[in-house]
């Protein structure tokens, strides 16, 4: 059976998630979170995206993305592909990082944007990674990726599993 086609159109809003292969971690150390977070500005500028909120968990991520030009497929392919290449190079590994196809749910912006952002921000609380939600960050692209919560990894070092950004446009216009 073939995969269902993705609905892509100008102005669409999506809840995008992508999980690590075999549900394994896609961030092995704090610098991997920073590596991933170096990409959204590039993707927003290249594909004219607006990222309303995001959450990086140990083995997956959540993004709330608006696509003014209806180009979700190309943008996520770039984001996941470039991160996989850089992650594999850094950790001297080969092969897939993500498990199958990313998940993208089309969202009614007027009725569900606030609730979806709330869901994404509270995800680490529900997963018991943090005890209470922390205030989202607000700022310019240079602030993208500033940690708002830290936990200890199973290996003992402090890492940044949850990062949040308030609605922001990376376009300069």
N, C-alpha and C. Protein backbone atom coordinates (compact mmCIF):
# COMPACT_ATOMS: atom_id res chain seq x y z
N UNK A 1 0.83 -1.17 0.00
CA UNK A 1 0.00 0.00 0.00
C UNK A 1 0.88 1.25 0.00
N UNK A 2 0.54 2.22 -0.81
CA UNK A 2 1.36 3.42 -0.90
C UNK A 2 1.03 4.37 0.25
N UNK A 3 1.98 5.26 0.50
CA UNK A 3 1.81 6.26 1.55
C UNK A 3 0.78 7.29 1.12
N UNK A 4 0.01 7.79 2.06
CA UNK A 4 -0.89 8.89 1.69
C UNK A 4 -0.09 10.15 1.36
N UNK A 5 -0.57 10.91 0.42
CA UNK A 5 0.11 12.15 0.05
C UNK A 5 -0.01 13.17 1.17
N UNK A 6 1.00 14.00 1.29
CA UNK A 6 0.98 15.07 2.26
C UNK A 6 0.21 16.26 1.66
N UNK A 7 -0.61 16.87 2.45
CA UNK A 7 -1.28 18.08 2.02
C UNK A 7 -0.34 19.25 2.26
N UNK A 8 0.01 19.93 1.20
CA UNK A 8 0.89 21.10 1.29
C UNK A 8 0.22 22.25 0.58
N UNK A 9 0.10 23.37 1.26
CA UNK A 9 -0.43 24.56 0.61
C UNK A 9 0.07 25.80 1.34
N UNK A 10 0.01 26.92 0.67
CA UNK A 10 0.48 28.18 1.24
C UNK A 10 -0.30 28.52 2.50
N UNK A 11 0.43 28.90 3.56
CA UNK A 11 -0.19 29.29 4.80
C UNK A 11 -0.59 28.15 5.71
N UNK A 12 -0.23 26.93 5.37
CA UNK A 12 -0.60 25.78 6.20
C UNK A 12 0.20 25.77 7.50
N UNK A 13 -0.40 25.20 8.54
CA UNK A 13 0.23 25.06 9.85
C UNK A 13 0.28 23.57 10.18
N UNK A 14 1.46 23.11 10.61
CA UNK A 14 1.67 21.69 10.88
C UNK A 14 2.29 21.45 12.25
N UNK A 15 1.94 20.32 12.83
CA UNK A 15 2.65 19.79 13.99
C UNK A 15 3.52 18.67 13.44
N UNK A 16 4.82 18.90 13.42
CA UNK A 16 5.77 17.95 12.84
C UNK A 16 6.54 17.25 13.95
N UNK A 17 6.65 15.93 13.86
CA UNK A 17 7.48 15.17 14.79
C UNK A 17 8.33 14.20 14.00
N UNK A 18 9.50 13.94 14.51
CA UNK A 18 10.37 12.93 13.91
C UNK A 18 11.11 12.24 15.05
N UNK A 19 11.08 10.92 15.04
CA UNK A 19 11.62 10.11 16.13
C UNK A 19 12.89 9.39 15.68
N UNK A 20 13.78 9.15 16.62
CA UNK A 20 15.01 8.44 16.34
C UNK A 20 14.75 6.99 15.93
N UNK A 21 15.61 6.48 15.07
CA UNK A 21 15.51 5.09 14.63
C UNK A 21 15.53 4.16 15.84
N UNK A 22 14.65 3.19 15.86
CA UNK A 22 14.50 2.25 16.98
C UNK A 22 14.24 2.98 18.29
N UNK A 23 13.65 4.16 18.21
CA UNK A 23 13.36 5.03 19.37
C UNK A 23 14.61 5.39 20.17
N UNK A 24 15.76 5.37 19.49
CA UNK A 24 17.02 5.72 20.16
C UNK A 24 17.22 7.22 20.16
N UNK A 25 18.10 7.69 21.03
CA UNK A 25 18.38 9.12 21.17
C UNK A 25 18.92 9.70 19.87
N UNK A 26 18.46 10.91 19.57
CA UNK A 26 18.99 11.64 18.41
C UNK A 26 19.89 12.79 18.86
N UNK A 27 20.02 12.94 20.17
CA UNK A 27 20.93 13.90 20.76
C UNK A 27 21.70 13.15 21.83
N UNK A 28 22.99 12.95 21.64
CA UNK A 28 23.78 12.17 22.58
C UNK A 28 24.46 13.03 23.65
N UNK A 29 24.59 14.31 23.36
CA UNK A 29 25.22 15.23 24.32
C UNK A 29 24.69 16.62 24.06
N UNK A 30 24.95 17.52 24.99
CA UNK A 30 24.42 18.87 24.89
C UNK A 30 24.74 19.56 23.58
N UNK A 31 25.91 19.33 23.05
CA UNK A 31 26.29 20.00 21.79
C UNK A 31 25.46 19.50 20.61
N UNK A 32 24.84 18.32 20.73
CA UNK A 32 23.96 17.83 19.66
C UNK A 32 22.68 18.66 19.59
N UNK A 33 22.18 19.11 20.76
CA UNK A 33 21.02 20.00 20.76
C UNK A 33 21.38 21.29 20.05
N UNK A 34 22.57 21.81 20.35
CA UNK A 34 23.02 23.04 19.70
C UNK A 34 23.21 22.83 18.21
N UNK A 35 23.72 21.67 17.82
CA UNK A 35 23.90 21.34 16.41
C UNK A 35 22.55 21.36 15.69
N UNK A 36 21.54 20.72 16.29
CA UNK A 36 20.21 20.71 15.69
C UNK A 36 19.66 22.13 15.61
N UNK A 37 19.82 22.89 16.68
CA UNK A 37 19.25 24.23 16.72
C UNK A 37 19.99 25.25 15.87
N UNK A 38 21.11 24.85 15.29
CA UNK A 38 21.79 25.74 14.34
C UNK A 38 21.07 25.71 12.98
N UNK A 39 20.17 24.76 12.79
CA UNK A 39 19.53 24.58 11.49
C UNK A 39 18.22 25.34 11.27
N UNK A 40 17.35 25.53 12.28
CA UNK A 40 16.07 26.18 11.99
C UNK A 40 16.18 27.56 11.36
N UNK A 41 17.14 28.37 11.77
CA UNK A 41 17.28 29.69 11.15
C UNK A 41 17.54 29.52 9.65
N UNK A 42 18.44 28.61 9.31
CA UNK A 42 18.76 28.34 7.90
C UNK A 42 17.52 27.87 7.14
N UNK A 43 16.77 26.96 7.74
CA UNK A 43 15.58 26.42 7.09
C UNK A 43 14.50 27.50 6.95
N UNK A 44 14.33 28.31 7.99
CA UNK A 44 13.33 29.39 7.93
C UNK A 44 13.67 30.39 6.83
N UNK A 45 14.92 30.74 6.71
CA UNK A 45 15.33 31.68 5.66
C UNK A 45 15.22 31.06 4.28
N UNK A 46 15.65 29.83 4.14
CA UNK A 46 15.67 29.18 2.83
C UNK A 46 14.27 28.84 2.32
N UNK A 47 13.39 28.40 3.23
CA UNK A 47 12.06 27.94 2.82
C UNK A 47 10.93 28.88 3.27
N UNK A 48 11.30 30.01 3.85
CA UNK A 48 10.33 31.02 4.27
C UNK A 48 9.34 30.47 5.30
N UNK A 49 9.83 29.65 6.23
CA UNK A 49 8.99 29.06 7.26
C UNK A 49 8.85 30.00 8.45
N UNK A 50 7.83 29.76 9.26
CA UNK A 50 7.68 30.39 10.56
C UNK A 50 7.56 29.24 11.56
N UNK A 51 8.46 29.20 12.53
CA UNK A 51 8.39 28.19 13.58
C UNK A 51 7.75 28.86 14.79
N UNK A 52 6.55 28.39 15.16
CA UNK A 52 5.82 28.98 16.28
C UNK A 52 6.30 28.43 17.62
N UNK A 53 6.60 27.17 17.69
CA UNK A 53 7.15 26.59 18.92
C UNK A 53 7.84 25.28 18.59
N UNK A 54 8.67 24.85 19.50
CA UNK A 54 9.35 23.58 19.31
C UNK A 54 9.75 23.00 20.65
N UNK A 55 10.06 21.71 20.63
CA UNK A 55 10.49 21.01 21.82
C UNK A 55 11.42 19.89 21.38
N UNK A 56 12.59 19.84 21.96
CA UNK A 56 13.53 18.77 21.66
C UNK A 56 13.54 17.80 22.83
N UNK A 57 13.11 16.59 22.57
CA UNK A 57 13.12 15.54 23.58
C UNK A 57 14.36 14.68 23.29
N UNK A 58 14.63 13.72 24.12
CA UNK A 58 15.84 12.92 23.94
C UNK A 58 15.86 12.15 22.62
N UNK A 59 14.72 11.56 22.25
CA UNK A 59 14.71 10.72 21.06
C UNK A 59 13.79 11.22 19.95
N UNK A 60 13.27 12.43 20.07
CA UNK A 60 12.44 13.00 19.01
C UNK A 60 12.31 14.51 19.20
N UNK A 61 11.72 15.14 18.20
CA UNK A 61 11.46 16.57 18.32
C UNK A 61 10.03 16.86 17.90
N UNK A 62 9.53 18.01 18.34
CA UNK A 62 8.24 18.55 17.93
C UNK A 62 8.49 19.94 17.36
N UNK A 63 7.88 20.24 16.24
CA UNK A 63 7.93 21.59 15.67
C UNK A 63 6.51 22.00 15.30
N UNK A 64 6.17 23.24 15.56
CA UNK A 64 4.92 23.81 15.06
C UNK A 64 5.34 24.78 13.97
N UNK A 65 5.06 24.41 12.73
CA UNK A 65 5.60 25.11 11.56
C UNK A 65 4.48 25.67 10.70
N UNK A 66 4.65 26.91 10.28
CA UNK A 66 3.75 27.51 9.30
C UNK A 66 4.54 27.65 8.00
N UNK A 67 3.93 27.24 6.89
CA UNK A 67 4.62 27.26 5.59
C UNK A 67 3.92 28.24 4.65
N UNK A 68 4.33 29.50 4.63
CA UNK A 68 3.70 30.48 3.75
C UNK A 68 3.75 30.10 2.27
N UNK A 69 4.71 29.25 1.89
CA UNK A 69 4.85 28.87 0.48
C UNK A 69 4.48 27.42 0.21
N UNK A 70 3.93 26.71 1.17
CA UNK A 70 3.49 25.34 0.94
C UNK A 70 4.62 24.38 0.59
N UNK A 71 5.71 24.42 1.34
CA UNK A 71 6.90 23.63 1.02
C UNK A 71 7.39 22.79 2.21
N UNK A 72 6.47 22.18 2.92
CA UNK A 72 6.82 21.39 4.11
C UNK A 72 7.80 20.27 3.77
N UNK A 73 7.49 19.50 2.76
CA UNK A 73 8.31 18.34 2.39
C UNK A 73 9.76 18.73 2.16
N UNK A 74 10.00 19.74 1.35
CA UNK A 74 11.37 20.16 1.04
C UNK A 74 12.10 20.65 2.28
N UNK A 75 11.41 21.41 3.12
CA UNK A 75 12.04 21.95 4.32
C UNK A 75 12.39 20.89 5.35
N UNK A 76 11.47 19.96 5.62
CA UNK A 76 11.75 18.90 6.60
C UNK A 76 12.83 17.97 6.07
N UNK A 77 12.80 17.70 4.77
CA UNK A 77 13.85 16.86 4.18
C UNK A 77 15.22 17.52 4.38
N UNK A 78 15.28 18.82 4.20
CA UNK A 78 16.54 19.55 4.40
C UNK A 78 16.95 19.50 5.87
N UNK A 79 16.02 19.83 6.77
CA UNK A 79 16.31 19.84 8.20
C UNK A 79 16.80 18.48 8.68
N UNK A 80 16.05 17.43 8.41
CA UNK A 80 16.43 16.09 8.87
C UNK A 80 17.69 15.58 8.17
N UNK A 81 17.81 15.85 6.89
CA UNK A 81 18.96 15.37 6.13
C UNK A 81 20.26 16.01 6.57
N UNK A 82 20.25 17.33 6.72
CA UNK A 82 21.48 18.03 7.11
C UNK A 82 21.86 17.66 8.54
N UNK A 83 20.86 17.59 9.45
CA UNK A 83 21.19 17.21 10.83
C UNK A 83 21.76 15.79 10.86
N UNK A 84 21.17 14.87 10.13
CA UNK A 84 21.67 13.49 10.11
C UNK A 84 23.11 13.45 9.61
N UNK A 85 23.42 14.17 8.55
CA UNK A 85 24.78 14.20 8.01
C UNK A 85 25.76 14.75 9.04
N UNK A 86 25.41 15.84 9.67
CA UNK A 86 26.31 16.46 10.65
C UNK A 86 26.46 15.60 11.91
N UNK A 87 25.35 15.02 12.37
CA UNK A 87 25.37 14.14 13.54
C UNK A 87 26.24 12.91 13.25
N UNK A 88 26.02 12.28 12.10
CA UNK A 88 26.80 11.09 11.74
C UNK A 88 28.28 11.42 11.61
N UNK A 89 28.60 12.54 11.02
CA UNK A 89 29.99 12.94 10.87
C UNK A 89 30.63 13.18 12.24
N UNK A 90 29.94 13.89 13.09
CA UNK A 90 30.44 14.20 14.43
C UNK A 90 30.68 12.95 15.26
N UNK A 91 29.76 12.00 15.18
CA UNK A 91 29.84 10.79 16.03
C UNK A 91 30.44 9.58 15.28
N UNK A 92 30.99 9.86 14.08
CA UNK A 92 31.66 8.81 13.28
C UNK A 92 30.76 7.58 13.12
N UNK A 93 29.56 7.84 12.61
CA UNK A 93 28.61 6.76 12.38
C UNK A 93 28.02 6.92 10.99
N UNK A 94 27.33 5.90 10.53
CA UNK A 94 26.66 5.94 9.23
C UNK A 94 25.23 5.44 9.39
N UNK A 95 24.42 5.70 8.37
CA UNK A 95 23.07 5.16 8.35
C UNK A 95 22.01 6.13 8.82
N UNK A 96 20.81 5.58 8.93
CA UNK A 96 19.64 6.38 9.31
C UNK A 96 19.74 6.86 10.74
N UNK A 97 19.28 8.06 10.97
CA UNK A 97 19.15 8.58 12.33
C UNK A 97 17.67 8.54 12.74
N UNK A 98 16.80 8.86 11.79
CA UNK A 98 15.37 8.93 12.08
C UNK A 98 14.65 7.65 11.67
N UNK A 99 13.60 7.36 12.41
CA UNK A 99 12.79 6.16 12.18
C UNK A 99 11.71 6.49 11.16
N UNK A 100 11.85 5.99 9.97
CA UNK A 100 10.82 6.16 8.96
C UNK A 100 10.55 7.61 8.60
N UNK A 101 9.36 7.82 8.13
CA UNK A 101 8.92 9.12 7.66
C UNK A 101 8.53 10.01 8.84
N UNK A 102 8.82 11.29 8.74
CA UNK A 102 8.37 12.21 9.78
C UNK A 102 6.84 12.28 9.77
N UNK A 103 6.28 12.66 10.90
CA UNK A 103 4.83 12.78 11.02
C UNK A 103 4.48 14.26 10.95
N UNK A 104 3.50 14.60 10.16
CA UNK A 104 3.06 15.99 10.02
C UNK A 104 1.53 16.02 10.06
N UNK A 105 1.00 16.70 11.05
CA UNK A 105 -0.45 16.82 11.20
C UNK A 105 -0.85 18.24 10.84
N UNK A 106 -1.74 18.36 9.89
CA UNK A 106 -2.26 19.66 9.49
C UNK A 106 -3.14 20.20 10.62
N UNK A 107 -2.94 21.47 10.97
CA UNK A 107 -3.61 22.07 12.13
C UNK A 107 -4.42 23.28 11.69
N UNK A 108 -5.61 23.42 12.26
CA UNK A 108 -6.44 24.61 12.05
C UNK A 108 -5.85 25.74 12.89
N UNK A 109 -5.25 26.70 12.22
CA UNK A 109 -4.51 27.76 12.91
C UNK A 109 -5.39 28.58 13.85
N UNK A 110 -6.55 28.99 13.40
CA UNK A 110 -7.39 29.86 14.22
C UNK A 110 -7.88 29.18 15.50
N UNK A 111 -8.18 27.90 15.42
CA UNK A 111 -8.77 27.22 16.57
C UNK A 111 -7.78 26.46 17.44
N UNK A 112 -6.63 26.05 16.89
CA UNK A 112 -5.78 25.14 17.63
C UNK A 112 -4.32 25.56 17.82
N UNK A 113 -3.91 26.68 17.26
CA UNK A 113 -2.50 27.07 17.37
C UNK A 113 -2.07 27.23 18.82
N UNK A 114 -2.82 27.96 19.61
CA UNK A 114 -2.45 28.17 21.01
C UNK A 114 -2.42 26.85 21.78
N UNK A 115 -3.43 26.02 21.59
CA UNK A 115 -3.49 24.73 22.29
C UNK A 115 -2.34 23.83 21.87
N UNK A 116 -2.01 23.82 20.58
CA UNK A 116 -0.89 23.00 20.10
C UNK A 116 0.44 23.48 20.69
N UNK A 117 0.66 24.79 20.70
CA UNK A 117 1.89 25.32 21.29
C UNK A 117 1.97 24.95 22.77
N UNK A 118 0.84 25.01 23.45
CA UNK A 118 0.79 24.62 24.86
C UNK A 118 1.16 23.14 25.01
N UNK A 119 0.63 22.30 24.13
CA UNK A 119 0.94 20.87 24.17
C UNK A 119 2.44 20.63 23.98
N UNK A 120 3.01 21.30 22.99
CA UNK A 120 4.44 21.13 22.69
C UNK A 120 5.30 21.58 23.86
N UNK A 121 4.97 22.74 24.43
CA UNK A 121 5.76 23.27 25.54
C UNK A 121 5.65 22.39 26.78
N UNK A 122 4.48 21.78 27.00
CA UNK A 122 4.28 20.94 28.19
C UNK A 122 4.76 19.50 28.01
N UNK A 123 5.19 19.16 26.82
CA UNK A 123 5.63 17.79 26.56
C UNK A 123 6.68 17.28 27.54
N UNK A 124 7.72 18.06 27.87
CA UNK A 124 8.72 17.58 28.82
C UNK A 124 8.16 17.37 30.24
N UNK A 125 7.14 18.15 30.58
CA UNK A 125 6.51 17.98 31.89
C UNK A 125 5.76 16.64 31.92
N UNK A 126 5.01 16.38 30.88
CA UNK A 126 4.27 15.12 30.79
C UNK A 126 5.21 13.92 30.78
N UNK A 127 6.39 14.10 30.20
CA UNK A 127 7.38 13.01 30.14
C UNK A 127 8.22 12.95 31.42
N UNK A 128 7.92 13.83 32.39
CA UNK A 128 8.61 13.88 33.67
C UNK A 128 10.11 14.18 33.53
N UNK A 129 10.45 14.95 32.50
CA UNK A 129 11.83 15.40 32.33
C UNK A 129 12.09 16.65 33.16
N UNK A 130 11.04 17.45 33.35
CA UNK A 130 11.08 18.62 34.21
C UNK A 130 9.81 18.61 35.05
N UNK A 131 9.81 19.30 36.20
CA UNK A 131 8.65 19.27 37.09
C UNK A 131 7.58 20.28 36.72
N UNK A 132 7.99 21.40 36.14
CA UNK A 132 7.02 22.42 35.77
C UNK A 132 7.50 23.13 34.53
N UNK A 133 6.56 23.67 33.76
CA UNK A 133 6.97 24.37 32.53
C UNK A 133 7.74 25.63 32.87
N UNK A 134 8.70 25.94 32.05
CA UNK A 134 9.48 27.16 32.21
C UNK A 134 9.04 28.15 31.16
N UNK A 135 9.25 29.42 31.41
CA UNK A 135 8.84 30.46 30.48
C UNK A 135 9.56 30.30 29.15
N UNK A 136 8.81 30.41 28.05
CA UNK A 136 9.45 30.31 26.75
C UNK A 136 10.43 31.47 26.53
N UNK A 137 11.36 31.24 25.67
CA UNK A 137 12.32 32.29 25.33
C UNK A 137 11.76 33.17 24.24
N UNK A 138 12.24 34.36 24.19
CA UNK A 138 11.85 35.30 23.18
C UNK A 138 13.11 36.01 22.74
N UNK A 139 13.28 36.18 21.44
CA UNK A 139 14.47 36.89 21.02
C UNK A 139 14.73 36.77 19.54
N UNK A 140 15.89 37.21 19.16
CA UNK A 140 16.30 37.20 17.77
C UNK A 140 16.89 35.85 17.40
N UNK A 141 17.17 35.61 16.14
CA UNK A 141 17.76 34.33 15.73
C UNK A 141 19.02 33.96 16.49
N UNK A 142 19.79 34.95 16.94
CA UNK A 142 21.01 34.61 17.69
C UNK A 142 20.67 33.95 19.02
N UNK A 143 19.45 34.20 19.54
CA UNK A 143 19.03 33.60 20.80
C UNK A 143 18.44 32.21 20.61
N UNK A 144 18.20 31.82 19.37
CA UNK A 144 17.59 30.52 19.10
C UNK A 144 18.49 29.44 19.66
N UNK A 145 17.95 28.63 20.54
CA UNK A 145 18.74 27.54 21.08
C UNK A 145 19.27 27.79 22.47
N UNK A 146 18.90 28.91 23.11
CA UNK A 146 19.32 29.12 24.49
C UNK A 146 18.54 28.15 25.38
N UNK A 147 19.20 27.38 26.22
CA UNK A 147 18.49 26.38 27.01
C UNK A 147 17.60 27.01 28.08
N UNK A 148 16.44 26.39 28.29
CA UNK A 148 15.58 26.84 29.37
C UNK A 148 15.40 25.76 30.42
N UNK A 149 15.91 24.58 30.18
CA UNK A 149 15.84 23.52 31.18
C UNK A 149 17.00 22.58 30.97
N UNK A 150 17.50 22.01 32.05
CA UNK A 150 18.59 21.03 31.95
C UNK A 150 18.23 19.84 32.83
N UNK A 151 18.61 18.67 32.37
CA UNK A 151 18.48 17.48 33.21
C UNK A 151 19.79 16.72 33.11
N UNK A 152 19.97 15.78 33.99
CA UNK A 152 21.16 14.93 33.92
C UNK A 152 20.87 13.75 33.03
N UNK A 153 21.80 13.45 32.14
CA UNK A 153 21.64 12.30 31.27
C UNK A 153 21.99 11.04 32.05
N UNK A 154 21.65 9.86 31.49
CA UNK A 154 22.01 8.62 32.16
C UNK A 154 23.52 8.47 32.35
N UNK A 155 24.30 9.24 31.57
CA UNK A 155 25.75 9.16 31.64
C UNK A 155 26.33 10.14 32.65
N UNK A 156 25.47 10.93 33.31
CA UNK A 156 25.92 11.80 34.38
C UNK A 156 26.17 13.25 33.99
N UNK A 157 26.30 13.56 32.70
CA UNK A 157 26.56 14.96 32.35
C UNK A 157 25.23 15.70 32.19
N UNK A 158 25.28 16.99 32.36
CA UNK A 158 24.09 17.81 32.23
C UNK A 158 23.87 18.11 30.75
N UNK A 159 22.65 17.88 30.27
CA UNK A 159 22.33 18.13 28.87
C UNK A 159 21.08 19.00 28.79
N UNK A 160 20.76 19.46 27.59
CA UNK A 160 19.60 20.32 27.39
C UNK A 160 18.54 19.58 26.59
N UNK A 161 17.60 18.90 27.23
CA UNK A 161 16.61 18.14 26.48
C UNK A 161 15.42 18.95 26.02
N UNK A 162 15.22 20.15 26.55
CA UNK A 162 14.01 20.89 26.23
C UNK A 162 14.34 22.33 25.95
N UNK A 163 14.02 22.77 24.77
CA UNK A 163 14.27 24.15 24.41
C UNK A 163 13.01 24.68 23.74
N UNK A 164 12.67 25.88 24.03
CA UNK A 164 11.42 26.44 23.53
C UNK A 164 11.68 27.83 22.97
N UNK A 165 10.96 28.21 21.95
CA UNK A 165 11.07 29.54 21.37
C UNK A 165 9.69 30.11 21.15
N UNK A 166 9.50 31.35 21.50
CA UNK A 166 8.23 32.01 21.22
C UNK A 166 8.11 32.22 19.72
N UNK A 167 6.90 32.48 19.23
CA UNK A 167 6.74 32.74 17.80
C UNK A 167 7.74 33.78 17.31
N UNK A 168 8.40 33.46 16.24
CA UNK A 168 9.42 34.36 15.72
C UNK A 168 9.57 34.13 14.24
N UNK A 169 9.83 35.15 13.53
CA UNK A 169 10.09 35.03 12.10
C UNK A 169 11.58 35.26 11.89
N UNK A 170 12.19 34.41 11.10
CA UNK A 170 13.60 34.55 10.84
C UNK A 170 13.85 35.35 9.57
N UNK A 171 12.77 35.74 8.90
CA UNK A 171 12.96 36.58 7.72
C UNK A 171 13.34 37.97 8.18
N UNK A 172 14.11 38.66 7.41
CA UNK A 172 14.55 40.00 7.78
C UNK A 172 13.62 41.07 7.24
N UNK A 173 12.62 40.68 6.45
CA UNK A 173 11.70 41.68 5.87
C UNK A 173 10.53 41.94 6.76
